[in-house]
Protein backbone atom coordinates (compact mmCIF):
# COMPACT_ATOMS: atom_id res chain seq x y z
CA UNK A 1 95.31 126.87 89.60
CA UNK A 2 93.27 123.75 88.14
CA UNK A 3 92.69 120.47 90.25
CA UNK A 4 94.74 117.65 89.49
CA UNK A 5 93.46 114.99 87.53
CA UNK A 6 93.57 111.54 89.22
CA UNK A 7 92.41 109.33 86.59
CA UNK A 8 93.52 105.86 86.66
CA UNK A 9 95.00 105.99 89.96
CA UNK A 10 95.34 104.18 92.73
CA UNK A 11 93.40 104.97 96.23
CA UNK A 12 96.36 103.98 98.03
CA UNK A 13 98.19 107.29 99.25
CA UNK A 14 102.04 107.17 100.07
CA UNK A 15 104.33 109.03 102.19
CA UNK A 16 108.06 109.59 102.59
CA UNK A 17 110.87 112.01 102.46
CA UNK A 18 112.25 113.56 99.59
CA UNK A 19 115.76 112.82 98.62
CA UNK A 20 116.71 114.49 95.66
CA UNK A 21 115.26 117.87 94.04
CA UNK A 22 116.75 119.11 90.72
CA UNK A 23 115.45 122.92 90.69
CA UNK A 24 115.81 123.25 86.70
CA UNK A 25 114.09 120.43 85.73
CA UNK A 26 111.85 120.02 88.79
CA UNK A 27 112.16 116.55 89.20
CA UNK A 28 113.46 114.34 91.85
CA UNK A 29 113.71 111.07 94.20
CA UNK A 30 111.66 110.42 97.45
CA UNK A 31 112.14 107.52 99.48
CA UNK A 32 108.93 105.90 101.58
CA UNK A 33 109.09 104.85 105.26
CA UNK A 34 110.06 101.01 104.25
CA UNK A 35 113.13 102.51 102.18
CA UNK A 36 111.76 101.82 98.54
CA UNK A 37 112.95 105.06 96.48
CA UNK A 38 110.70 106.40 93.96
CA UNK A 39 111.31 109.01 90.83
CA UNK A 40 108.88 111.95 90.40
CA UNK A 41 108.65 114.36 87.40
CA UNK A 42 107.68 117.90 87.22
CA UNK A 43 104.20 116.96 86.17
CA UNK A 44 103.52 115.39 89.56
CA UNK A 45 103.84 119.10 91.42
CA UNK A 46 101.21 120.28 89.31
CA UNK A 47 102.57 123.67 89.09
CA UNK A 48 101.92 123.69 93.01
CA UNK A 49 105.52 123.92 94.37
CA UNK A 50 108.29 125.51 93.39
CA UNK A 51 111.09 123.79 95.83
CA UNK A 52 111.77 120.93 97.28
CA UNK A 53 114.42 120.49 99.70
CA UNK A 54 116.09 117.15 100.75
CA UNK A 55 114.44 116.02 104.24
CA UNK A 56 110.92 117.43 103.60
CA UNK A 57 108.15 115.03 104.38
CA UNK A 58 105.72 114.66 101.48
CA UNK A 59 102.62 112.43 100.35
CA UNK A 60 101.85 111.77 97.00
CA UNK A 61 98.90 109.34 94.91
CA UNK A 62 100.42 106.70 92.91
CA UNK A 63 99.08 105.89 89.55
CA UNK A 64 98.31 102.12 88.70
CA UNK A 65 101.92 101.19 87.47
CA UNK A 66 103.53 102.54 90.96
CA UNK A 67 104.34 106.03 89.29
CA UNK A 68 103.77 109.10 91.41
CA UNK A 69 100.83 111.08 89.99
CA UNK A 70 100.67 113.95 92.14
CA UNK A 71 103.14 114.91 95.03
CA UNK A 72 102.82 117.65 97.63
CA UNK A 73 103.81 118.41 101.11
CA UNK A 74 102.47 116.33 104.10
CA UNK A 75 100.79 119.27 105.60
CA UNK A 76 99.09 120.21 102.56
CA UNK A 77 95.81 118.20 101.26
CA UNK A 78 96.57 115.89 98.20
CA UNK A 79 93.61 117.09 96.41
CA UNK A 80 90.89 119.63 96.19
CA UNK A 81 88.15 117.32 97.84
CA UNK A 82 90.07 117.54 100.91
């Protein structure tokens, strides 16, 4: 599996809880611990995860505009350098 590309990302990492996940489209929403909701697309999963369930804890890397670049389970590293 290729390493994700994080060009243009913010250095700040976020964590929260899966609120919804569409298994067909592979997109969904997460809710940060402060209550903010963020949508993510299939590209944020980078072929790593096939299924997310509501309530799972995740962490992600945001881009410069607050979009989710890469998302994974809280128990997995965010990138290949960890």
